[in-house]
């Protein structure tokens, strides 16, 4: 099970949140991540952000990353969009 927590943050307040659960067999972890980002963006009705090197580093180090204005082609009306892997402990 792949879980991704998405948050839209404006002025240090979470204004929208959603936990996305996916069970797509046959996809790599990277493909599921990008599919999850796309699904969250559709849910929040925002454009898909550009994936940059800083996002890759943050996901590898702390299992979460933020997309700020420089990650979007369009202007945004929030401070950042954050995604985080939810790791279940067994």
PDB file of N, CA and C in Angstrom:
ATOM      1  N   UNK A   1       0.853  -1.185   0.000  1.00  0.00           N
ATOM      2  CA  UNK A   1       0.000   0.000   0.000  1.00  0.00           C
ATOM      3  C   UNK A   1       0.891   1.237   0.000  1.00  0.00           C
ATOM      4  N   UNK A   2       0.596   2.142  -0.846  1.00  0.00           N
ATOM      5  CA  UNK A   2       1.333   3.388  -0.996  1.00  0.00           C
ATOM      6  C   UNK A   2       0.431   4.517  -0.508  1.00  0.00           C
ATOM      7  N   UNK A   3       0.894   5.272   0.485  1.00  0.00           N
ATOM      8  CA  UNK A   3       0.109   6.388   1.010  1.00  0.00           C
ATOM      9  C   UNK A   3       0.901   7.674   0.867  1.00  0.00           C
ATOM     10  N   UNK A   4       0.214   8.700   0.395  1.00  0.00           N
ATOM     11  CA  UNK A   4       0.823  10.005   0.197  1.00  0.00           C
ATOM     12  C   UNK A   4      -0.105  11.050   0.804  1.00  0.00           C
ATOM     13  N   UNK A   5       0.446  11.879   1.669  1.00  0.00           N
ATOM     14  CA  UNK A   5      -0.323  12.933   2.330  1.00  0.00           C
ATOM     15  C   UNK A   5      -0.011  14.243   1.626  1.00  0.00           C
ATOM     16  N   UNK A   6      -1.042  14.895   1.115  1.00  0.00           N
ATOM     17  CA  UNK A   6      -0.885  16.176   0.439  1.00  0.00           C
ATOM     18  C   UNK A   6      -1.508  17.287   1.261  1.00  0.00           C
ATOM     19  N   UNK A   7      -0.819  18.456   1.295  1.00  0.00           N
ATOM     20  CA  UNK A   7      -1.317  19.604   2.055  1.00  0.00           C
ATOM     21  C   UNK A   7      -1.110  20.875   1.240  1.00  0.00           C
ATOM     22  N   UNK A   8      -2.089  21.744   1.291  1.00  0.00           N
ATOM     23  CA  UNK A   8      -1.961  23.089   0.744  1.00  0.00           C
ATOM     24  C   UNK A   8      -1.853  24.016   1.953  1.00  0.00           C
ATOM     25  N   UNK A   9      -0.787  24.805   2.006  1.00  0.00           N
ATOM     26  CA  UNK A   9      -0.519  25.659   3.164  1.00  0.00           C
ATOM     27  C   UNK A   9      -0.490  27.119   2.725  1.00  0.00           C
ATOM     28  N   UNK A  10      -1.203  27.951   3.491  1.00  0.00           N
ATOM     29  CA  UNK A  10      -1.246  29.388   3.242  1.00  0.00           C
ATOM     30  C   UNK A  10      -1.153  30.105   4.588  1.00  0.00           C
ATOM     31  N   UNK A  11      -0.195  31.003   4.713  1.00  0.00           N
ATOM     32  CA  UNK A  11       0.032  31.758   5.949  1.00  0.00           C
ATOM     33  C   UNK A  11       0.136  30.836   7.166  1.00  0.00           C
ATOM     34  N   UNK A  12       0.942  29.792   7.029  1.00  0.00           N
ATOM     35  CA  UNK A  12       1.208  28.815   8.094  1.00  0.00           C
ATOM     36  C   UNK A  12      -0.014  28.041   8.564  1.00  0.00           C
ATOM     37  N   UNK A  13      -1.062  28.002   7.755  1.00  0.00           N
ATOM     38  CA  UNK A  13      -2.254  27.219   8.071  1.00  0.00           C
ATOM     39  C   UNK A  13      -2.510  26.219   6.954  1.00  0.00           C
ATOM     40  N   UNK A  14      -2.829  24.988   7.330  1.00  0.00           N
ATOM     41  CA  UNK A  14      -3.218  23.996   6.334  1.00  0.00           C
ATOM     42  C   UNK A  14      -4.641  24.333   5.901  1.00  0.00           C
ATOM     43  N   UNK A  15      -4.811  24.681   4.636  1.00  0.00           N
ATOM     44  CA  UNK A  15      -6.134  25.059   4.151  1.00  0.00           C
ATOM     45  C   UNK A  15      -6.837  23.899   3.443  1.00  0.00           C
ATOM     46  N   UNK A  16      -6.062  22.918   2.951  1.00  0.00           N
ATOM     47  CA  UNK A  16      -6.627  21.710   2.365  1.00  0.00           C
ATOM     48  C   UNK A  16      -5.676  20.556   2.658  1.00  0.00           C
ATOM     49  N   UNK A  17      -6.229  19.387   2.852  1.00  0.00           N
ATOM     50  CA  UNK A  17      -5.417  18.211   3.118  1.00  0.00           C
ATOM     51  C   UNK A  17      -6.120  16.974   2.579  1.00  0.00           C
ATOM     52  N   UNK A  18      -5.318  15.986   2.211  1.00  0.00           N
ATOM     53  CA  UNK A  18      -5.888  14.721   1.751  1.00  0.00           C
ATOM     54  C   UNK A  18      -4.823  13.642   1.848  1.00  0.00           C
ATOM     55  N   UNK A  19      -5.243  12.465   2.289  1.00  0.00           N
ATOM     56  CA  UNK A  19      -4.375  11.288   2.279  1.00  0.00           C
ATOM     57  C   UNK A  19      -4.828  10.418   1.117  1.00  0.00           C
ATOM     58  N   UNK A  20      -3.894  10.125   0.246  1.00  0.00           N
ATOM     59  CA  UNK A  20      -4.159   9.331  -0.945  1.00  0.00           C
ATOM     60  C   UNK A  20      -3.583   7.938  -0.747  1.00  0.00           C
ATOM     61  N   UNK A  21      -4.417   6.923  -0.907  1.00  0.00           N
ATOM     62  CA  UNK A  21      -3.970   5.539  -0.810  1.00  0.00           C
ATOM     63  C   UNK A  21      -4.022   4.919  -2.193  1.00  0.00           C
ATOM     64  N   UNK A  22      -2.929   4.299  -2.585  1.00  0.00           N
ATOM     65  CA  UNK A  22      -2.865   3.690  -3.911  1.00  0.00           C
ATOM     66  C   UNK A  22      -2.307   2.284  -3.791  1.00  0.00           C
ATOM     67  N   UNK A  23      -2.843   1.409  -4.597  1.00  0.00           N
ATOM     68  CA  UNK A  23      -2.336   0.044  -4.670  1.00  0.00           C
ATOM     69  C   UNK A  23      -2.259  -0.329  -6.141  1.00  0.00           C
ATOM     70  N   UNK A  24      -1.313   0.266  -6.836  1.00  0.00           N
ATOM     71  CA  UNK A  24      -1.162   0.048  -8.270  1.00  0.00           C
ATOM     72  C   UNK A  24       0.010  -0.887  -8.520  1.00  0.00           C
ATOM     73  N   UNK A  25      -0.315  -2.142  -8.700  1.00  0.00           N
ATOM     74  CA  UNK A  25       0.740  -3.121  -8.944  1.00  0.00           C
ATOM     75  C   UNK A  25       1.287  -2.923 -10.347  1.00  0.00           C
ATOM     76  N   UNK A  26       2.554  -3.195 -10.498  1.00  0.00           N
ATOM     77  CA  UNK A  26       3.176  -3.065 -11.808  1.00  0.00           C
ATOM     78  C   UNK A  26       3.839  -1.717 -12.031  1.00  0.00           C
ATOM     79  N   UNK A  27       3.638  -0.777 -11.105  1.00  0.00           N
ATOM     80  CA  UNK A  27       4.280   0.534 -11.226  1.00  0.00           C
ATOM     81  C   UNK A  27       5.467   0.609 -10.273  1.00  0.00           C
ATOM     82  N   UNK A  28       6.491   1.299 -10.691  1.00  0.00           N
ATOM     83  CA  UNK A  28       7.637   1.517  -9.810  1.00  0.00           C
ATOM     84  C   UNK A  28       7.259   2.539  -8.740  1.00  0.00           C
ATOM     85  N   UNK A  29       8.099   2.666  -7.722  1.00  0.00           N
ATOM     86  CA  UNK A  29       7.845   3.637  -6.649  1.00  0.00           C
ATOM     87  C   UNK A  29       7.808   5.054  -7.224  1.00  0.00           C
ATOM     88  N   UNK A  30       8.687   5.337  -8.164  1.00  0.00           N
ATOM     89  CA  UNK A  30       8.718   6.666  -8.776  1.00  0.00           C
ATOM     90  C   UNK A  30       7.453   6.940  -9.591  1.00  0.00           C
ATOM     91  N   UNK A  31       6.987   5.947 -10.332  1.00  0.00           N
ATOM     92  CA  UNK A  31       5.752   6.103 -11.115  1.00  0.00           C
ATOM     93  C   UNK A  31       4.552   6.316 -10.198  1.00  0.00           C
ATOM     94  N   UNK A  32       4.508   5.581  -9.073  1.00  0.00           N
ATOM     95  CA  UNK A  32       3.406   5.778  -8.116  1.00  0.00           C
ATOM     96  C   UNK A  32       3.471   7.166  -7.491  1.00  0.00           C
ATOM     97  N   UNK A  33       4.676   7.650  -7.197  1.00  0.00           N
ATOM     98  CA  UNK A  33       4.832   8.990  -6.639  1.00  0.00           C
ATOM     99  C   UNK A  33       4.280  10.035  -7.593  1.00  0.00           C
ATOM    100  N   UNK A  34       4.677   9.976  -8.858  1.00  0.00           N
ATOM    101  CA  UNK A  34       4.215  10.970  -9.821  1.00  0.00           C
ATOM    102  C   UNK A  34       2.719  10.852 -10.096  1.00  0.00           C
ATOM    103  N   UNK A  35       2.184   9.635 -10.085  1.00  0.00           N
ATOM    104  CA  UNK A  35       0.736   9.432 -10.227  1.00  0.00           C
ATOM    105  C   UNK A  35       0.022  10.010  -9.007  1.00  0.00           C
ATOM    106  N   UNK A  36       0.593   9.815  -7.820  1.00  0.00           N
ATOM    107  CA  UNK A  36       0.005  10.368  -6.600  1.00  0.00           C
ATOM    108  C   UNK A  36       0.001  11.886  -6.614  1.00  0.00           C
ATOM    109  N   UNK A  37       1.098  12.497  -7.056  1.00  0.00           N
ATOM    110  CA  UNK A  37       1.157  13.965  -7.154  1.00  0.00           C
ATOM    111  C   UNK A  37       0.085  14.460  -8.116  1.00  0.00           C
ATOM    112  N   UNK A  38      -0.039  13.791  -9.253  1.00  0.00           N
ATOM    113  CA  UNK A  38      -1.060  14.176 -10.238  1.00  0.00           C
ATOM    114  C   UNK A  38      -2.468  14.073  -9.652  1.00  0.00           C
ATOM    115  N   UNK A  39      -2.758  12.973  -8.954  1.00  0.00           N
ATOM    116  CA  UNK A  39      -4.081  12.788  -8.340  1.00  0.00           C
ATOM    117  C   UNK A  39      -4.355  13.842  -7.271  1.00  0.00           C
ATOM    118  N   UNK A  40      -3.364  14.162  -6.445  1.00  0.00           N
ATOM    119  CA  UNK A  40      -3.547  15.187  -5.417  1.00  0.00           C
ATOM    120  C   UNK A  40      -3.783  16.557  -6.054  1.00  0.00           C
ATOM    121  N   UNK A  41      -3.026  16.876  -7.091  1.00  0.00           N
ATOM    122  CA  UNK A  41      -3.210  18.167  -7.768  1.00  0.00           C
ATOM    123  C   UNK A  41      -4.596  18.270  -8.380  1.00  0.00           C
ATOM    124  N   UNK A  42      -5.076  17.172  -8.959  1.00  0.00           N
ATOM    125  CA  UNK A  42      -6.446  17.175  -9.497  1.00  0.00           C
ATOM    126  C   UNK A  42      -7.464  17.387  -8.383  1.00  0.00           C
ATOM    127  N   UNK A  43      -7.254  16.730  -7.244  1.00  0.00           N
ATOM    128  CA  UNK A  43      -8.173  16.892  -6.110  1.00  0.00           C
ATOM    129  C   UNK A  43      -8.180  18.338  -5.604  1.00  0.00           C
ATOM    130  N   UNK A  44      -6.992  18.942  -5.479  1.00  0.00           N
ATOM    131  CA  UNK A  44      -6.884  20.313  -4.978  1.00  0.00           C
ATOM    132  C   UNK A  44      -7.159  21.359  -6.063  1.00  0.00           C
ATOM    133  N   UNK A  45      -7.332  20.918  -7.303  1.00  0.00           N
ATOM    134  CA  UNK A  45      -7.568  21.799  -8.449  1.00  0.00           C
ATOM    135  C   UNK A  45      -6.426  22.807  -8.615  1.00  0.00           C
ATOM    136  N   UNK A  46      -5.211  22.275  -8.615  1.00  0.00           N
ATOM    137  CA  UNK A  46      -4.022  23.091  -8.858  1.00  0.00           C
ATOM    138  C   UNK A  46      -3.232  22.457 -10.005  1.00  0.00           C
ATOM    139  N   UNK A  47      -2.359  23.246 -10.610  1.00  0.00           N
ATOM    140  CA  UNK A  47      -1.511  22.734 -11.686  1.00  0.00           C
ATOM    141  C   UNK A  47      -0.480  21.769 -11.115  1.00  0.00           C
ATOM    142  N   UNK A  48      -0.025  20.846 -11.938  1.00  0.00           N
ATOM    143  CA  UNK A  48       1.048  19.945 -11.515  1.00  0.00           C
ATOM    144  C   UNK A  48       2.348  20.734 -11.416  1.00  0.00           C
ATOM    145  N   UNK A  49       3.059  20.578 -10.305  1.00  0.00           N
ATOM    146  CA  UNK A  49       4.332  21.286 -10.158  1.00  0.00           C
ATOM    147  C   UNK A  49       5.450  20.594 -10.939  1.00  0.00           C
ATOM    148  N   UNK A  50       6.516  21.324 -11.159  1.00  0.00           N
ATOM    149  CA  UNK A  50       7.700  20.739 -11.775  1.00  0.00           C
ATOM    150  C   UNK A  50       8.516  20.042 -10.695  1.00  0.00           C
ATOM    151  N   UNK A  51       8.990  18.848 -10.997  1.00  0.00           N
ATOM    152  CA  UNK A  51       9.826  18.073 -10.080  1.00  0.00           C
ATOM    153  C   UNK A  51      11.269  18.515 -10.296  1.00  0.00           C
ATOM    154  N   UNK A  52      11.893  19.035  -9.254  1.00  0.00           N
ATOM    155  CA  UNK A  52      13.257  19.545  -9.359  1.00  0.00           C
ATOM    156  C   UNK A  52      14.195  18.750  -8.454  1.00  0.00           C
ATOM    157  N   UNK A  53      15.458  19.034  -8.587  1.00  0.00           N
ATOM    158  CA  UNK A  53      16.477  18.308  -7.815  1.00  0.00           C
ATOM    159  C   UNK A  53      16.258  18.455  -6.308  1.00  0.00           C
ATOM    160  N   UNK A  54      15.831  19.632  -5.853  1.00  0.00           N
ATOM    161  CA  UNK A  54      15.594  19.817  -4.418  1.00  0.00           C
ATOM    162  C   UNK A  54      14.491  18.889  -3.913  1.00  0.00           C
ATOM    163  N   UNK A  55      13.482  18.634  -4.745  1.00  0.00           N
ATOM    164  CA  UNK A  55      12.414  17.722  -4.353  1.00  0.00           C
ATOM    165  C   UNK A  55      12.938  16.296  -4.197  1.00  0.00           C
ATOM    166  N   UNK A  56      13.774  15.885  -5.126  1.00  0.00           N
ATOM    167  CA  UNK A  56      14.372  14.552  -5.066  1.00  0.00           C
ATOM    168  C   UNK A  56      15.191  14.380  -3.797  1.00  0.00           C
ATOM    169  N   UNK A  57      16.011  15.371  -3.475  1.00  0.00           N
ATOM    170  CA  UNK A  57      16.852  15.308  -2.275  1.00  0.00           C
ATOM    171  C   UNK A  57      16.012  15.243  -1.003  1.00  0.00           C
ATOM    172  N   UNK A  58      14.981  16.091  -0.913  1.00  0.00           N
ATOM    173  CA  UNK A  58      14.123  16.098   0.283  1.00  0.00           C
ATOM    174  C   UNK A  58      13.388  14.769   0.452  1.00  0.00           C
ATOM    175  N   UNK A  59      12.856  14.225  -0.643  1.00  0.00           N
ATOM    176  CA  UNK A  59      12.126  12.959  -0.540  1.00  0.00           C
ATOM    177  C   UNK A  59      13.059  11.837  -0.086  1.00  0.00           C
ATOM    178  N   UNK A  60      14.281  11.840  -0.587  1.00  0.00           N
ATOM    179  CA  UNK A  60      15.242  10.803  -0.200  1.00  0.00           C
ATOM    180  C   UNK A  60      15.692  10.952   1.250  1.00  0.00           C
ATOM    181  N   UNK A  61      15.768  12.188   1.749  1.00  0.00           N
ATOM    182  CA  UNK A  61      16.266  12.423   3.104  1.00  0.00           C
ATOM    183  C   UNK A  61      15.178  12.355   4.168  1.00  0.00           C
ATOM    184  N   UNK A  62      14.040  12.989   3.917  1.00  0.00           N
ATOM    185  CA  UNK A  62      13.032  13.117   4.983  1.00  0.00           C
ATOM    186  C   UNK A  62      11.626  12.654   4.589  1.00  0.00           C
ATOM    187  N   UNK A  63      11.482  12.013   3.427  1.00  0.00           N
ATOM    188  CA  UNK A  63      10.202  11.464   2.959  1.00  0.00           C
ATOM    189  C   UNK A  63       9.120  12.508   2.732  1.00  0.00           C
ATOM    190  N   UNK A  64       9.507  13.760   2.554  1.00  0.00           N
ATOM    191  CA  UNK A  64       8.529  14.783   2.192  1.00  0.00           C
ATOM    192  C   UNK A  64       9.220  15.896   1.432  1.00  0.00           C
ATOM    193  N   UNK A  65       8.430  16.683   0.711  1.00  0.00           N
ATOM    194  CA  UNK A  65       8.967  17.802  -0.045  1.00  0.00           C
ATOM    195  C   UNK A  65       7.888  18.859  -0.229  1.00  0.00           C
ATOM    196  N   UNK A  66       8.330  20.072  -0.492  1.00  0.00           N
ATOM    197  CA  UNK A  66       7.418  21.198  -0.710  1.00  0.00           C
ATOM    198  C   UNK A  66       7.598  21.748  -2.107  1.00  0.00           C
ATOM    199  N   UNK A  67       6.471  22.133  -2.690  1.00  0.00           N
ATOM    200  CA  UNK A  67       6.464  22.799  -3.987  1.00  0.00           C
ATOM    201  C   UNK A  67       6.024  24.236  -3.757  1.00  0.00           C
ATOM    202  N   UNK A  68       6.932  25.166  -4.032  1.00  0.00           N
ATOM    203  CA  UNK A  68       6.655  26.598  -3.862  1.00  0.00           C
ATOM    204  C   UNK A  68       6.389  27.230  -5.222  1.00  0.00           C
ATOM    205  N   UNK A  69       6.256  28.532  -5.252  1.00  0.00           N
ATOM    206  CA  UNK A  69       5.904  29.255  -6.477  1.00  0.00           C
ATOM    207  C   UNK A  69       6.834  28.923  -7.641  1.00  0.00           C
ATOM    208  N   UNK A  70       8.136  28.760  -7.383  1.00  0.00           N
ATOM    209  CA  UNK A  70       9.073  28.498  -8.471  1.00  0.00           C
ATOM    210  C   UNK A  70       8.884  27.121  -9.109  1.00  0.00           C
ATOM    211  N   UNK A  71       8.106  26.242  -8.477  1.00  0.00           N
ATOM    212  CA  UNK A  71       7.836  24.923  -9.025  1.00  0.00           C
ATOM    213  C   UNK A  71       6.632  24.919  -9.969  1.00  0.00           C
ATOM    214  N   UNK A  72       5.909  26.021 -10.020  1.00  0.00           N
ATOM    215  CA  UNK A  72       4.692  26.100 -10.829  1.00  0.00           C
ATOM    216  C   UNK A  72       4.880  27.094 -11.967  1.00  0.00           C
ATOM    217  N   UNK A  73       4.296  26.778 -13.112  1.00  0.00           N
ATOM    218  CA  UNK A  73       4.320  27.709 -14.237  1.00  0.00           C
ATOM    219  C   UNK A  73       3.290  28.814 -14.007  1.00  0.00           C
ATOM    220  N   UNK A  74       2.129  28.429 -13.478  1.00  0.00           N
ATOM    221  CA  UNK A  74       1.064  29.388 -13.187  1.00  0.00           C
ATOM    222  C   UNK A  74       1.312  30.043 -11.827  1.00  0.00           C
ATOM    223  N   UNK A  75       0.680  31.186 -11.627  1.00  0.00           N
ATOM    224  CA  UNK A  75       0.733  31.839 -10.317  1.00  0.00           C
ATOM    225  C   UNK A  75      -0.117  31.040  -9.341  1.00  0.00           C
ATOM    226  N   UNK A  76       0.344  30.943  -8.089  1.00  0.00           N
ATOM    227  CA  UNK A  76      -0.403  30.194  -7.078  1.00  0.00           C
ATOM    228  C   UNK A  76      -0.923  31.151  -6.008  1.00  0.00           C
ATOM    229  N   UNK A  77      -2.021  30.760  -5.354  1.00  0.00           N
ATOM    230  CA  UNK A  77      -2.608  31.606  -4.311  1.00  0.00           C
ATOM    231  C   UNK A  77      -2.424  30.994  -2.919  1.00  0.00           C
ATOM    232  N   UNK A  78      -1.363  30.195  -2.762  1.00  0.00           N
ATOM    233  CA  UNK A  78      -1.022  29.585  -1.477  1.00  0.00           C
ATOM    234  C   UNK A  78       0.497  29.666  -1.340  1.00  0.00           C
ATOM    235  N   UNK A  79       1.003  29.364  -0.156  1.00  0.00           N
ATOM    236  CA  UNK A  79       2.448  29.448   0.077  1.00  0.00           C
ATOM    237  C   UNK A  79       3.199  28.244  -0.492  1.00  0.00           C
ATOM    238  N   UNK A  80       2.668  27.049  -0.228  1.00  0.00           N
ATOM    239  CA  UNK A  80       3.300  25.852  -0.794  1.00  0.00           C
ATOM    240  C   UNK A  80       2.349  24.664  -0.747  1.00  0.00           C
ATOM    241  N   UNK A  81       2.670  23.684  -1.582  1.00  0.00           N
ATOM    242  CA  UNK A  81       1.999  22.397  -1.649  1.00  0.00           C
ATOM    243  C   UNK A  81       3.023  21.387  -1.153  1.00  0.00           C
ATOM    244  N   UNK A  82       2.666  20.638  -0.120  1.00  0.00           N
ATOM    245  CA  UNK A  82       3.598  19.678   0.476  1.00  0.00           C
ATOM    246  C   UNK A  82       3.068  18.270   0.318  1.00  0.00           C
ATOM    247  N   UNK A  83       3.973  17.351   0.005  1.00  0.00           N
ATOM    248  CA  UNK A  83       3.606  15.939  -0.029  1.00  0.00           C
ATOM    249  C   UNK A  83       4.528  15.188   0.927  1.00  0.00           C
ATOM    250  N   UNK A  84       3.981  14.126   1.507  1.00  0.00           N
ATOM    251  CA  UNK A  84       4.756  13.317   2.455  1.00  0.00           C
ATOM    252  C   UNK A  84       4.346  11.859   2.323  1.00  0.00           C
ATOM    253  N   UNK A  85       5.352  10.976   2.234  1.00  0.00           N
ATOM    254  CA  UNK A  85       5.069   9.541   2.287  1.00  0.00           C
ATOM    255  C   UNK A  85       4.585   9.222   3.689  1.00  0.00           C
ATOM    256  N   UNK A  86       3.573   8.393   3.790  1.00  0.00           N
ATOM    257  CA  UNK A  86       3.150   7.871   5.082  1.00  0.00           C
ATOM    258  C   UNK A  86       3.666   6.436   5.148  1.00  0.00           C
ATOM    259  N   UNK A  87       4.583   6.203   6.061  1.00  0.00           N
ATOM    260  CA  UNK A  87       5.192   4.901   6.222  1.00  0.00           C
ATOM    261  C   UNK A  87       4.517   4.210   7.392  1.00  0.00           C
ATOM    262  N   UNK A  88       3.915   3.066   7.113  1.00  0.00           N
ATOM    263  CA  UNK A  88       3.242   2.323   8.172  1.00  0.00           C
ATOM    264  C   UNK A  88       4.249   1.430   8.871  1.00  0.00           C
ATOM    265  N   UNK A  89       4.201   1.476  10.179  1.00  0.00           N
ATOM    266  CA  UNK A  89       5.088   0.633  10.983  1.00  0.00           C
ATOM    267  C   UNK A  89       4.380  -0.686  11.293  1.00  0.00           C
ATOM    268  N   UNK A  90       5.121  -1.744  11.165  1.00  0.00           N
ATOM    269  CA  UNK A  90       4.543  -3.073  11.401  1.00  0.00           C
ATOM    270  C   UNK A  90       4.994  -3.622  12.727  1.00  0.00           C
TER     271      UNK A  90
END
